[in-house]
Every structure is written in C-alpha cells, then in structure tokens.
Amino acid sequence: MWLKRKIAPYLYWAAHLSGYSLKKIRETPGARILMYHGVGTKDCTTRVFRKQIEFLRREFDIVSLAVLTENLEKQHPDLRSQVALTFDDGLCNNLTYAYPILKKHNAPATFFICPGLINGGRWLWTLEARARLRRMNPLAYAKLADSLGHPGQSVNQIVGWMKILPTRSRLHVEEIIRDATPTWTPKRKQEVANNLMTWDEIKSLDPKLITIGAHSTNHPILANCTREELEHEVVDCQKIIEKHILKPVNFFCYPNGDFNPDVTEFVRRAYRSSVITKPGIITEEVKLHQIPRLGTTETMHHFTWRMHRPTS
C-alpha cells in the first residue's frame, strides 16, 4: 500500500502527458458528476480548478444537474459526453473563486447549501470542531479526550466518533468542545476556507448558471437522525431555501454521503434526484436518488486519471 501511494502520482502524470488518460476517458461510457467543496484552498487551488474547467469544456458537454437528471430519466444516448458540476456546503469561496471561472466558461453548476447555518456566522460542525481541537494545547486536549471517554487519539478520530453519535449527543459534545476553547478565534486562512455564503450572496448568483440545491438544514449525519429530525433536515430544508430564493429546489446532496432507507424515503418524497459521495461513472442503471460523483483532486494529472478510474 505504501509503495502504491508512492508510485501512483508518477503513473497519473505519465498517463496524462502521454494522452492515455484522455483516450480511456473517451472509451469509458457514461456521464460524470464532479464533487467540489472549497475552491481557492490547498486542496483545490484556483489555478487547478481553472485548468479542470477548461479541460471539461473541451472534452465534455457541461450540463446542469437538471439536464443530466432528465437524460437519466429518459435514458438519453448522449450520456457519455455529459458532465455536471456540484459544490457542497455553500462555502463563500465558491462565490469568490469558483463562480467567476464558471461564468467565464459558461459552465452551469449546482451549489448545495445548508439554510440553517446561513447568516448565523456558523461553520459546518465538523470544520469548527476540527479547528477548535487543533488549537488546544496538548494538556488541555488530553484532558478533554479523557472527559469524553477516550474516543480517539487524533482530532480526526474524535470527529469521526462524533459522526456516529445520535444528533443530540453530538450537539452536546460540540458544546463541550466550545466550552473548552473559549478564546478560540479563526485565522483569516480558515475563514477563507470555511466561511459560508450569506443569503444576499446566494441570491446574487445567476440563476441561469447556478442551481441551488439542498444539503440538509444543519448538516447532521442523517443516518443518525430520528424521523422527526429528518422531517426538519430534509423536507423543511427545501421549504426554507425556496422561501428565500423564490425558486423550486429539486436536488439534494446527502451530508457526508451517509444515508439509510429512512433517509432515502424522506429525500424521495421531496426531491427529483440526489447525489452521494460514492465514486462512480453514471450509466442508465443508476438510481436517481443515489447518483455517484467523482471527488476533486489537487493536480490535473490525477484529475484526468480519476475521470476514467473513479476510485483512484
């Protein structure tokens, strides 16, 4: 496994430069949906993002999620040439860094937002918890982990443990972390990466180019929610967004990619289609409420490799 990780970047680079990746992309049937989060960050710089959009504009037909969904419903024969762009979480850097590039290339996209977090100065809970924990001194961190019952040694292990808790228990742990870090304030770099768009900023987006989708009301782990909580996080989410943007909201994105039969039942009730985080290329057999996506990458050569090898 260690050797494979070392060799892989050279393989992606060679495949990209030689044209092998492009050849395999053209030979691989099916549509693709790209999954982005932040743009203008170390994980997806504006330079790399621009190159990705330029590549997609040359090699694919960039369509809206509505068009791709309709073509899936009709089993359209031109699926193999289509790609849709999606952005999770409603981050402000999607407006400041991604949106100008999308406009320049007339590339439609869907921005999935969490209305319960907007205009409250809040981040997604996973981002805030990680940021607070990482700023704690080792002694205070050890004391906090001890008080939580030693759910893990690392920050990611603690946040991973929080993801499996019932919603009320997770909210309680969030408060414990906040109480343990009363002087914490985000750095400018963190604000650029994690701040969310306001309603005014969302409304400023060109509706002919940007579709607004639902990403749950508060970004919980939906598989841990009660049915009452699902009503608020899935169904009410749609109503809240529609009240603000005055347009139908037809598409849903599962937070963290987690769902179960109860979650899917609520989503089917309210939305035309929904996307997951599981990687895959889209064919006519894909379920409309479990559409796979391809995650973004830090380099262009890895990006073109993933377009034909989704799990890489």
C-alpha atoms as a PDB file:
ATOM      1  CA  MET A   1       0.000   0.000   0.000  1.00  0.00           C
ATOM      2  CA  TRP A   2       2.834   2.424   0.876  1.00  0.00           C
ATOM      3  CA  LEU A   3       4.618   1.631  -2.402  1.00  0.00           C
ATOM      4  CA  LYS A   4       1.398   2.061  -4.366  1.00  0.00           C
ATOM      5  CA  ARG A   5       0.871   5.543  -2.896  1.00  0.00           C
ATOM      6  CA  LYS A   6       4.430   6.491  -3.823  1.00  0.00           C
ATOM      7  CA  ILE A   7       4.177   5.242  -7.399  1.00  0.00           C
ATOM      8  CA  ALA A   8       0.634   6.466  -8.152  1.00  0.00           C
ATOM      9  CA  PRO A   9       1.459  10.174  -8.769  1.00  0.00           C
ATOM     10  CA  TYR A  10       4.042   9.199 -11.404  1.00  0.00           C
ATOM     11  CA  LEU A  11       1.517   6.898 -13.069  1.00  0.00           C
ATOM     12  CA  TYR A  12      -1.107   9.684 -13.184  1.00  0.00           C
ATOM     13  CA  TRP A  13       1.485  12.124 -14.577  1.00  0.00           C
ATOM     14  CA  ALA A  14       2.646   9.761 -17.314  1.00  0.00           C
ATOM     15  CA  ALA A  15      -0.910   8.814 -18.293  1.00  0.00           C
ATOM     16  CA  HIS A  16      -1.903  12.470 -18.512  1.00  0.00           C
ATOM     17  CA  LEU A  17       1.073  13.644 -20.571  1.00  0.00           C
ATOM     18  CA  SER A  18       1.001  10.665 -22.936  1.00  0.00           C
ATOM     19  CA  GLY A  19      -2.697  11.098 -23.704  1.00  0.00           C
ATOM     20  CA  TYR A  20      -3.531   7.666 -22.230  1.00  0.00           C
ATOM     21  CA  SER A  21      -5.969   9.106 -19.672  1.00  0.00           C
ATOM     22  CA  LEU A  22      -7.823  11.120 -22.323  1.00  0.00           C
ATOM     23  CA  LYS A  23      -8.033   8.041 -24.561  1.00  0.00           C
ATOM     24  CA  LYS A  24      -9.512   5.972 -21.695  1.00  0.00           C
ATOM     25  CA  ILE A  25     -11.954   8.767 -20.800  1.00  0.00           C
ATOM     26  CA  ARG A  26     -13.289   8.769 -24.348  1.00  0.00           C
ATOM     27  CA  GLU A  27     -13.596   4.976 -24.325  1.00  0.00           C
ATOM     28  CA  THR A  28     -15.433   4.834 -20.980  1.00  0.00           C
ATOM     29  CA  PRO A  29     -19.221   5.093 -21.388  1.00  0.00           C
ATOM     30  CA  GLY A  30     -21.361   7.085 -19.009  1.00  0.00           C
ATOM     31  CA  ALA A  31     -21.801  10.587 -17.649  1.00  0.00           C
ATOM     32  CA  ARG A  32     -19.946  12.073 -14.701  1.00  0.00           C
ATOM     33  CA  ILE A  33     -20.746  14.418 -11.841  1.00  0.00           C
ATOM     34  CA  LEU A  34     -17.850  16.276 -10.247  1.00  0.00           C
ATOM     35  CA  MET A  35     -17.923  16.912  -6.495  1.00  0.00           C
ATOM     36  CA  TYR A  36     -16.228  20.057  -5.213  1.00  0.00           C
ATOM     37  CA  HIS A  37     -16.137  21.628  -1.777  1.00  0.00           C
ATOM     38  CA  GLY A  38     -13.745  24.535  -1.322  1.00  0.00           C
ATOM     39  CA  VAL A  39     -12.018  26.325  -4.204  1.00  0.00           C
ATOM     40  CA  GLY A  40      -9.029  28.585  -3.675  1.00  0.00           C
ATOM     41  CA  THR A  41      -7.681  26.286  -0.964  1.00  0.00           C
ATOM     42  CA  LYS A  42      -4.688  23.958  -0.841  1.00  0.00           C
ATOM     43  CA  ASP A  43      -6.931  21.028  -1.821  1.00  0.00           C
ATOM     44  CA  CYS A  44      -8.240  22.824  -4.912  1.00  0.00           C
ATOM     45  CA  THR A  45      -6.350  25.932  -5.946  1.00  0.00           C
ATOM     46  CA  THR A  46      -7.916  28.389  -8.384  1.00  0.00           C
ATOM     47  CA  ARG A  47      -5.185  27.515 -10.890  1.00  0.00           C
ATOM     48  CA  VAL A  48      -6.001  23.798 -10.836  1.00  0.00           C
ATOM     49  CA  PHE A  49      -9.745  24.488 -10.812  1.00  0.00           C
ATOM     50  CA  ARG A  50      -9.429  26.724 -13.862  1.00  0.00           C
ATOM     51  CA  LYS A  51      -7.484  24.043 -15.733  1.00  0.00           C
ATOM     52  CA  GLN A  52     -10.100  21.432 -14.809  1.00  0.00           C
ATOM     53  CA  ILE A  53     -12.969  23.557 -16.114  1.00  0.00           C
ATOM     54  CA  GLU A  54     -11.045  24.325 -19.318  1.00  0.00           C
ATOM     55  CA  PHE A  55     -10.429  20.595 -19.812  1.00  0.00           C
ATOM     56  CA  LEU A  56     -14.082  19.732 -19.178  1.00  0.00           C
ATOM     57  CA  ARG A  57     -15.247  22.443 -21.566  1.00  0.00           C
ATOM     58  CA  ARG A  58     -13.012  20.981 -24.323  1.00  0.00           C
ATOM     59  CA  GLU A  59     -13.791  17.322 -23.802  1.00  0.00           C
ATOM     60  CA  PHE A  60     -17.346  17.208 -22.435  1.00  0.00           C
ATOM     61  CA  ASP A  61     -20.737  18.810 -22.671  1.00  0.00           C
ATOM     62  CA  ILE A  62     -21.068  20.571 -19.296  1.00  0.00           C
ATOM     63  CA  VAL A  63     -24.759  20.412 -18.372  1.00  0.00           C
ATOM     64  CA  SER A  64     -26.853  21.320 -15.365  1.00  0.00           C
ATOM     65  CA  LEU A  65     -27.895  18.673 -12.859  1.00  0.00           C
ATOM     66  CA  ALA A  66     -31.466  19.170 -14.107  1.00  0.00           C
ATOM     67  CA  VAL A  67     -30.475  18.260 -17.670  1.00  0.00           C
ATOM     68  CA  LEU A  68     -28.443  15.259 -16.523  1.00  0.00           C
ATOM     69  CA  THR A  69     -31.327  14.057 -14.334  1.00  0.00           C
ATOM     70  CA  GLU A  70     -33.764  14.409 -17.227  1.00  0.00           C
ATOM     71  CA  ASN A  71     -31.459  12.486 -19.523  1.00  0.00           C
ATOM     72  CA  LEU A  72     -31.118   9.749 -16.922  1.00  0.00           C
ATOM     73  CA  GLU A  73     -34.897   9.524 -16.649  1.00  0.00           C
ATOM     74  CA  LYS A  74     -35.169   9.237 -20.435  1.00  0.00           C
ATOM     75  CA  GLN A  75     -32.044   7.036 -20.781  1.00  0.00           C
ATOM     76  CA  HIS A  76     -30.627   9.535 -23.250  1.00  0.00           C
ATOM     77  CA  PRO A  77     -27.974   8.059 -25.573  1.00  0.00           C
ATOM     78  CA  ASP A  78     -25.574  11.011 -25.205  1.00  0.00           C
ATOM     79  CA  LEU A  79     -24.876  10.460 -21.504  1.00  0.00           C
ATOM     80  CA  ARG A  80     -21.249   9.536 -22.219  1.00  0.00           C
ATOM     81  CA  SER A  81     -20.409  13.109 -23.286  1.00  0.00           C
ATOM     82  CA  GLN A  82     -22.040  14.872 -20.353  1.00  0.00           C
ATOM     83  CA  VAL A  83     -20.621  16.152 -17.077  1.00  0.00           C
ATOM     84  CA  ALA A  84     -22.305  18.098 -14.268  1.00  0.00           C
ATOM     85  CA  LEU A  85     -20.585  20.191 -11.603  1.00  0.00           C
ATOM     86  CA  THR A  86     -21.639  20.217  -7.948  1.00  0.00           C
ATOM     87  CA  PHE A  87     -20.349  22.143  -4.924  1.00  0.00           C
ATOM     88  CA  ASP A  88     -21.154  21.016  -1.381  1.00  0.00           C
ATOM     89  CA  ASP A  89     -21.712  23.142   1.746  1.00  0.00           C
ATOM     90  CA  GLY A  90     -22.358  26.628   0.328  1.00  0.00           C
ATOM     91  CA  LEU A  91     -18.848  27.905   1.067  1.00  0.00           C
ATOM     92  CA  CYS A  92     -18.138  31.575   0.380  1.00  0.00           C
ATOM     93  CA  ASN A  93     -15.060  30.674  -1.677  1.00  0.00           C
ATOM     94  CA  ASN A  94     -17.414  29.060  -4.205  1.00  0.00           C
ATOM     95  CA  LEU A  95     -18.678  32.576  -4.903  1.00  0.00           C
ATOM     96  CA  THR A  96     -15.364  34.428  -4.774  1.00  0.00           C
ATOM     97  CA  TYR A  97     -13.111  31.906  -6.564  1.00  0.00           C
ATOM     98  CA  ALA A  98     -15.194  29.306  -8.430  1.00  0.00           C
ATOM     99  CA  TYR A  99     -18.091  31.430  -9.689  1.00  0.00           C
ATOM    100  CA  PRO A 100     -16.033  33.845 -11.855  1.00  0.00           C
ATOM    101  CA  ILE A 101     -14.383  30.879 -13.601  1.00  0.00           C
ATOM    102  CA  LEU A 102     -17.740  29.170 -14.113  1.00  0.00           C
ATOM    103  CA  LYS A 103     -19.157  32.381 -15.601  1.00  0.00           C
ATOM    104  CA  LYS A 104     -16.187  32.856 -17.911  1.00  0.00           C
ATOM    105  CA  HIS A 105     -16.639  29.374 -19.365  1.00  0.00           C
ATOM    106  CA  ASN A 106     -20.450  29.389 -19.201  1.00  0.00           C
ATOM    107  CA  ALA A 107     -20.287  26.240 -17.078  1.00  0.00           C
ATOM    108  CA  PRO A 108     -23.519  25.522 -15.167  1.00  0.00           C
ATOM    109  CA  ALA A 109     -23.235  24.131 -11.646  1.00  0.00           C
ATOM    110  CA  THR A 110     -25.267  23.223  -8.570  1.00  0.00           C
ATOM    111  CA  PHE A 111     -24.421  24.730  -5.178  1.00  0.00           C
ATOM    112  CA  PHE A 112     -25.768  22.627  -2.298  1.00  0.00           C
ATOM    113  CA  ILE A 113     -26.445  24.748   0.795  1.00  0.00           C
ATOM    114  CA  CYS A 114     -27.467  24.296   4.459  1.00  0.00           C
ATOM    115  CA  PRO A 115     -30.029  27.037   5.208  1.00  0.00           C
ATOM    116  CA  GLY A 116     -29.884  26.593   8.986  1.00  0.00           C
ATOM    117  CA  LEU A 117     -26.247  27.728   9.023  1.00  0.00           C
ATOM    118  CA  ILE A 118     -26.602  30.763   6.756  1.00  0.00           C
ATOM    119  CA  ASN A 119     -26.389  34.292   8.204  1.00  0.00           C
ATOM    120  CA  GLY A 120     -25.552  32.858  11.628  1.00  0.00           C
ATOM    121  CA  GLY A 121     -21.803  33.193  11.328  1.00  0.00           C
ATOM    122  CA  ARG A 122     -21.525  29.415  11.701  1.00  0.00           C
ATOM    123  CA  TRP A 123     -19.365  26.822  10.000  1.00  0.00           C
ATOM    124  CA  LEU A 124     -20.207  23.200   9.367  1.00  0.00           C
ATOM    125  CA  TRP A 125     -19.856  21.499  12.742  1.00  0.00           C
ATOM    126  CA  THR A 126     -17.091  19.161  11.516  1.00  0.00           C
ATOM    127  CA  LEU A 127     -14.968  22.110  10.383  1.00  0.00           C
ATOM    128  CA  GLU A 128     -15.453  24.046  13.610  1.00  0.00           C
ATOM    129  CA  ALA A 129     -14.768  21.032  15.838  1.00  0.00           C
ATOM    130  CA  ARG A 130     -11.532  20.220  13.993  1.00  0.00           C
ATOM    131  CA  ALA A 131     -10.352  23.830  14.077  1.00  0.00           C
ATOM    132  CA  ARG A 132     -11.002  24.194  17.804  1.00  0.00           C
ATOM    133  CA  LEU A 133      -9.421  20.856  18.730  1.00  0.00           C
ATOM    134  CA  ARG A 134      -6.289  21.559  16.700  1.00  0.00           C
ATOM    135  CA  ARG A 135      -5.690  24.826  18.522  1.00  0.00           C
ATOM    136  CA  MET A 136      -5.793  23.264  22.001  1.00  0.00           C
ATOM    137  CA  ASN A 137      -2.557  22.760  23.917  1.00  0.00           C
ATOM    138  CA  PRO A 138      -1.628  19.079  24.452  1.00  0.00           C
ATOM    139  CA  LEU A 139      -2.524  19.045  28.161  1.00  0.00           C
ATOM    140  CA  ALA A 140      -5.962  20.564  27.642  1.00  0.00           C
ATOM    141  CA  TYR A 141      -6.564  18.277  24.650  1.00  0.00           C
ATOM    142  CA  ALA A 142      -5.672  15.182  26.703  1.00  0.00           C
ATOM    143  CA  LYS A 143      -7.985  16.327  29.492  1.00  0.00           C
ATOM    144  CA  LEU A 144     -10.844  16.859  27.040  1.00  0.00           C
ATOM    145  CA  ALA A 145     -10.309  13.452  25.390  1.00  0.00           C
ATOM    146  CA  ASP A 146     -10.315  11.873  28.864  1.00  0.00           C
ATOM    147  CA  SER A 147     -13.623  13.577  29.712  1.00  0.00           C
ATOM    148  CA  LEU A 148     -15.148  12.211  26.501  1.00  0.00           C
ATOM    149  CA  GLY A 149     -14.097   8.640  27.312  1.00  0.00           C
ATOM    150  CA  HIS A 150     -11.029   8.448  25.048  1.00  0.00           C
ATOM    151  CA  PRO A 151     -12.872   8.231  21.679  1.00  0.00           C
ATOM    152  CA  GLY A 152      -9.555   8.538  19.835  1.00  0.00           C
ATOM    153  CA  GLN A 153      -6.048   9.927  19.937  1.00  0.00           C
ATOM    154  CA  SER A 154      -6.210  12.245  16.919  1.00  0.00           C
ATOM    155  CA  VAL A 155      -8.541  15.100  16.043  1.00  0.00           C
ATOM    156  CA  ASN A 156      -9.925  13.157  13.080  1.00  0.00           C
ATOM    157  CA  GLN A 157     -10.627  10.158  15.313  1.00  0.00           C
ATOM    158  CA  ILE A 158     -12.622  12.312  17.732  1.00  0.00           C
ATOM    159  CA  VAL A 159     -14.598  13.946  14.922  1.00  0.00           C
ATOM    160  CA  GLY A 160     -15.142  10.505  13.371  1.00  0.00           C
ATOM    161  CA  TRP A 161     -16.532   9.297  16.716  1.00  0.00           C
ATOM    162  CA  MET A 162     -18.829  12.327  16.855  1.00  0.00           C
ATOM    163  CA  LYS A 163     -20.220  11.378  13.429  1.00  0.00           C
ATOM    164  CA  ILE A 164     -21.682   8.134  14.778  1.00  0.00           C
ATOM    165  CA  LEU A 165     -23.407   9.742  17.773  1.00  0.00           C
ATOM    166  CA  PRO A 166     -27.138  10.494  17.861  1.00  0.00           C
ATOM    167  CA  THR A 167     -27.723  14.126  16.937  1.00  0.00           C
ATOM    168  CA  ARG A 168     -28.469  15.323  20.477  1.00  0.00           C
ATOM    169  CA  SER A 169     -25.365  13.630  21.860  1.00  0.00           C
ATOM    170  CA  ARG A 170     -23.212  15.128  19.116  1.00  0.00           C
ATOM    171  CA  LEU A 171     -24.575  18.608  19.804  1.00  0.00           C
ATOM    172  CA  HIS A 172     -23.709  18.137  23.474  1.00  0.00           C
ATOM    173  CA  VAL A 173     -20.121  17.203  22.597  1.00  0.00           C
ATOM    174  CA  GLU A 174     -19.895  20.270  20.356  1.00  0.00           C
ATOM    175  CA  GLU A 175     -20.796  22.434  23.349  1.00  0.00           C
ATOM    176  CA  ILE A 176     -18.175  20.692  25.478  1.00  0.00           C
ATOM    177  CA  ILE A 177     -15.541  21.491  22.843  1.00  0.00           C
ATOM    178  CA  ARG A 178     -16.675  25.134  22.654  1.00  0.00           C
ATOM    179  CA  ASP A 179     -16.544  25.450  26.455  1.00  0.00           C
ATOM    180  CA  ALA A 180     -13.013  24.018  26.400  1.00  0.00           C
ATOM    181  CA  THR A 181     -11.877  26.589  23.792  1.00  0.00           C
ATOM    182  CA  PRO A 182     -13.463  29.906  24.892  1.00  0.00           C
ATOM    183  CA  THR A 183     -10.707  32.104  23.431  1.00  0.00           C
ATOM    184  CA  TRP A 184     -10.587  30.409  20.035  1.00  0.00           C
ATOM    185  CA  THR A 185     -10.963  32.660  17.007  1.00  0.00           C
ATOM    186  CA  PRO A 186     -10.459  31.564  13.393  1.00  0.00           C
ATOM    187  CA  LYS A 187      -7.459  32.713  11.401  1.00  0.00           C
ATOM    188  CA  ARG A 188      -8.025  34.533   8.102  1.00  0.00           C
ATOM    189  CA  LYS A 189      -6.919  31.496   6.098  1.00  0.00           C
ATOM    190  CA  GLN A 190      -9.510  29.375   7.934  1.00  0.00           C
ATOM    191  CA  GLU A 191     -12.232  31.931   7.242  1.00  0.00           C
ATOM    192  CA  VAL A 192     -11.439  31.842   3.518  1.00  0.00           C
ATOM    193  CA  ALA A 193     -11.677  28.049   3.575  1.00  0.00           C
ATOM    194  CA  ASN A 194     -14.722  27.640   5.840  1.00  0.00           C
ATOM    195  CA  ASN A 195     -16.995  30.715   5.850  1.00  0.00           C
ATOM    196  CA  LEU A 196     -20.413  30.239   4.258  1.00  0.00           C
ATOM    197  CA  MET A 197     -22.239  32.418   1.757  1.00  0.00           C
ATOM    198  CA  THR A 198     -24.956  34.735   3.048  1.00  0.00           C
ATOM    199  CA  TRP A 199     -28.471  34.775   1.605  1.00  0.00           C
ATOM    200  CA  ASP A 200     -27.677  38.004  -0.243  1.00  0.00           C
ATOM    201  CA  GLU A 201     -24.615  36.380  -1.797  1.00  0.00           C
ATOM    202  CA  ILE A 202     -26.606  33.300  -2.798  1.00  0.00           C
ATOM    203  CA  LYS A 203     -29.267  35.499  -4.405  1.00  0.00           C
ATOM    204  CA  SER A 204     -26.563  37.349  -6.361  1.00  0.00           C
ATOM    205  CA  LEU A 205     -25.688  34.192  -8.312  1.00  0.00           C
ATOM    206  CA  ASP A 206     -27.004  34.000 -11.880  1.00  0.00           C
ATOM    207  CA  PRO A 207     -29.909  31.507 -11.709  1.00  0.00           C
ATOM    208  CA  LYS A 208     -29.390  30.646 -15.374  1.00  0.00           C
ATOM    209  CA  LEU A 209     -25.935  29.337 -14.466  1.00  0.00           C
ATOM    210  CA  ILE A 210     -26.165  28.274 -10.814  1.00  0.00           C
ATOM    211  CA  THR A 211     -28.815  25.930  -9.445  1.00  0.00           C
ATOM    212  CA  ILE A 212     -29.324  25.956  -5.681  1.00  0.00           C
ATOM    213  CA  GLY A 213     -29.766  22.516  -4.130  1.00  0.00           C
ATOM    214  CA  ALA A 214     -30.400  21.296  -0.592  1.00  0.00           C
ATOM    215  CA  HIS A 215     -27.690  19.838   1.639  1.00  0.00           C
ATOM    216  CA  SER A 216     -29.887  19.385   4.760  1.00  0.00           C
ATOM    217  CA  THR A 217     -30.855  22.189   7.129  1.00  0.00           C
ATOM    218  CA  ASN A 218     -27.890  21.925   9.534  1.00  0.00           C
ATOM    219  CA  HIS A 219     -25.555  19.291   8.010  1.00  0.00           C
ATOM    220  CA  PRO A 220     -26.060  16.468  10.522  1.00  0.00           C
ATOM    221  CA  ILE A 221     -25.292  12.834   9.804  1.00  0.00           C
ATOM    222  CA  LEU A 222     -28.743  11.939   8.506  1.00  0.00           C
ATOM    223  CA  ALA A 223     -28.400   8.213   9.204  1.00  0.00           C
ATOM    224  CA  ASN A 224     -28.260   9.115  12.928  1.00  0.00           C
ATOM    225  CA  CYS A 225     -31.401  11.271  12.857  1.00  0.00           C
ATOM    226  CA  THR A 226     -34.848  10.388  14.169  1.00  0.00           C
ATOM    227  CA  ARG A 227     -37.786  10.599  11.756  1.00  0.00           C
ATOM    228  CA  GLU A 228     -38.804  13.885  13.368  1.00  0.00           C
ATOM    229  CA  GLU A 229     -35.296  15.247  12.785  1.00  0.00           C
ATOM    230  CA  LEU A 230     -35.359  14.009   9.185  1.00  0.00           C
ATOM    231  CA  GLU A 231     -38.538  15.956   8.554  1.00  0.00           C
ATOM    232  CA  HIS A 232     -36.729  19.136   9.538  1.00  0.00           C
ATOM    233  CA  GLU A 233     -33.367  18.336   7.940  1.00  0.00           C
ATOM    234  CA  VAL A 234     -34.686  17.036   4.620  1.00  0.00           C
ATOM    235  CA  VAL A 235     -38.228  18.295   3.970  1.00  0.00           C
ATOM    236  CA  ASP A 236     -38.155  21.618   5.833  1.00  0.00           C
ATOM    237  CA  CYS A 237     -34.745  22.312   4.288  1.00  0.00           C
ATOM    238  CA  GLN A 238     -36.351  22.510   0.875  1.00  0.00           C
ATOM    239  CA  LYS A 239     -39.096  24.832   2.108  1.00  0.00           C
ATOM    240  CA  ILE A 240     -36.652  27.192   3.836  1.00  0.00           C
ATOM    241  CA  ILE A 241     -34.463  27.558   0.745  1.00  0.00           C
ATOM    242  CA  GLU A 242     -37.447  28.051  -1.564  1.00  0.00           C
ATOM    243  CA  LYS A 243     -38.784  30.773   0.739  1.00  0.00           C
ATOM    244  CA  HIS A 244     -35.524  32.699   0.369  1.00  0.00           C
ATOM    245  CA  ILE A 245     -34.662  32.223  -3.298  1.00  0.00           C
ATOM    246  CA  LEU A 246     -38.246  32.062  -4.607  1.00  0.00           C
ATOM    247  CA  LYS A 247     -37.432  29.150  -6.894  1.00  0.00           C
ATOM    248  CA  PRO A 248     -38.091  25.392  -6.725  1.00  0.00           C
ATOM    249  CA  VAL A 249     -35.403  23.262  -5.077  1.00  0.00           C
ATOM    250  CA  ASN A 250     -35.370  19.861  -6.767  1.00  0.00           C
ATOM    251  CA  PHE A 251     -31.979  18.358  -5.892  1.00  0.00           C
ATOM    252  CA  PHE A 252     -30.475  17.026  -2.671  1.00  0.00           C
ATOM    253  CA  CYS A 253     -26.991  16.104  -1.508  1.00  0.00           C
ATOM    254  CA  TYR A 254     -26.522  13.771   1.491  1.00  0.00           C
ATOM    255  CA  PRO A 255     -24.197  15.337   4.115  1.00  0.00           C
ATOM    256  CA  ASN A 256     -21.070  13.231   4.498  1.00  0.00           C
ATOM    257  CA  GLY A 257     -22.583  10.873   1.909  1.00  0.00           C
ATOM    258  CA  ASP A 258     -24.450   8.999   4.668  1.00  0.00           C
ATOM    259  CA  PHE A 259     -27.973   7.660   4.229  1.00  0.00           C
ATOM    260  CA  ASN A 260     -30.184   4.681   5.035  1.00  0.00           C
ATOM    261  CA  PRO A 261     -33.676   3.574   3.880  1.00  0.00           C
ATOM    262  CA  ASP A 262     -35.433   6.077   6.179  1.00  0.00           C
ATOM    263  CA  VAL A 263     -33.312   8.951   4.891  1.00  0.00           C
ATOM    264  CA  THR A 264     -33.883   7.976   1.258  1.00  0.00           C
ATOM    265  CA  GLU A 265     -37.626   7.769   1.889  1.00  0.00           C
ATOM    266  CA  PHE A 266     -37.714  11.403   3.014  1.00  0.00           C
ATOM    267  CA  VAL A 267     -35.465  12.531   0.173  1.00  0.00           C
ATOM    268  CA  ARG A 268     -37.549  10.757  -2.484  1.00  0.00           C
ATOM    269  CA  ARG A 269     -40.649  12.429  -1.082  1.00  0.00           C
ATOM    270  CA  ALA A 270     -39.294  15.920  -1.655  1.00  0.00           C
ATOM    271  CA  TYR A 271     -36.629  15.886  -4.391  1.00  0.00           C
ATOM    272  CA  ARG A 272     -36.340  14.909  -8.036  1.00  0.00           C
ATOM    273  CA  SER A 273     -32.867  13.378  -7.638  1.00  0.00           C
ATOM    274  CA  SER A 274     -29.997  13.287  -5.151  1.00  0.00           C
ATOM    275  CA  VAL A 275     -26.258  12.738  -5.182  1.00  0.00           C
ATOM    276  CA  ILE A 276     -23.930  10.749  -2.944  1.00  0.00           C
ATOM    277  CA  THR A 277     -20.187  10.805  -2.290  1.00  0.00           C
ATOM    278  CA  LYS A 278     -19.523   7.262  -3.510  1.00  0.00           C
ATOM    279  CA  PRO A 279     -17.334   7.464  -6.629  1.00  0.00           C
ATOM    280  CA  GLY A 280     -18.618   6.138  -9.917  1.00  0.00           C
ATOM    281  CA  ILE A 281     -19.439   6.804 -13.569  1.00  0.00           C
ATOM    282  CA  ILE A 282     -23.124   7.267 -14.351  1.00  0.00           C
ATOM    283  CA  THR A 283     -24.965   4.854 -16.599  1.00  0.00           C
ATOM    284  CA  GLU A 284     -28.668   4.339 -17.283  1.00  0.00           C
ATOM    285  CA  GLU A 285     -28.876   1.848 -14.405  1.00  0.00           C
ATOM    286  CA  VAL A 286     -28.010   4.433 -11.728  1.00  0.00           C
ATOM    287  CA  LYS A 287     -30.698   5.094  -9.097  1.00  0.00           C
ATOM    288  CA  LEU A 288     -31.942   8.695  -9.255  1.00  0.00           C
ATOM    289  CA  HIS A 289     -31.541   9.173  -5.501  1.00  0.00           C
ATOM    290  CA  GLN A 290     -28.113   7.560  -5.252  1.00  0.00           C
ATOM    291  CA  ILE A 291     -26.203   9.197  -8.111  1.00  0.00           C
ATOM    292  CA  PRO A 292     -22.416   8.779  -7.670  1.00  0.00           C
ATOM    293  CA  ARG A 293     -19.861  11.559  -8.090  1.00  0.00           C
ATOM    294  CA  LEU A 294     -16.134  11.964  -8.649  1.00  0.00           C
ATOM    295  CA  GLY A 295     -14.188  13.839  -5.994  1.00  0.00           C
ATOM    296  CA  THR A 296     -11.879  16.682  -6.945  1.00  0.00           C
ATOM    297  CA  THR A 297      -8.098  16.322  -6.861  1.00  0.00           C
ATOM    298  CA  GLU A 298      -5.094  18.535  -6.115  1.00  0.00           C
ATOM    299  CA  THR A 299      -3.451  18.007  -9.516  1.00  0.00           C
ATOM    300  CA  MET A 300      -4.565  17.976 -13.132  1.00  0.00           C
ATOM    301  CA  HIS A 301      -2.939  14.626 -13.948  1.00  0.00           C
ATOM    302  CA  HIS A 302      -4.731  12.910 -11.042  1.00  0.00           C
ATOM    303  CA  PHE A 303      -7.958  14.579 -12.175  1.00  0.00           C
ATOM    304  CA  THR A 304      -7.801  13.099 -15.684  1.00  0.00           C
ATOM    305  CA  TRP A 305      -6.915   9.680 -14.249  1.00  0.00           C
ATOM    306  CA  ARG A 306      -9.908   9.754 -11.918  1.00  0.00           C
ATOM    307  CA  MET A 307     -12.218  10.614 -14.814  1.00  0.00           C
ATOM    308  CA  HIS A 308     -11.777   7.039 -16.063  1.00  0.00           C
ATOM    309  CA  ARG A 309     -10.741   5.338 -12.782  1.00  0.00           C
ATOM    310  CA  PRO A 310     -13.225   6.791 -10.265  1.00  0.00           C
ATOM    311  CA  THR A 311     -11.898   5.034  -7.163  1.00  0.00           C
ATOM    312  CA  SER A 312      -8.291   6.155  -7.603  1.00  0.00           C
END
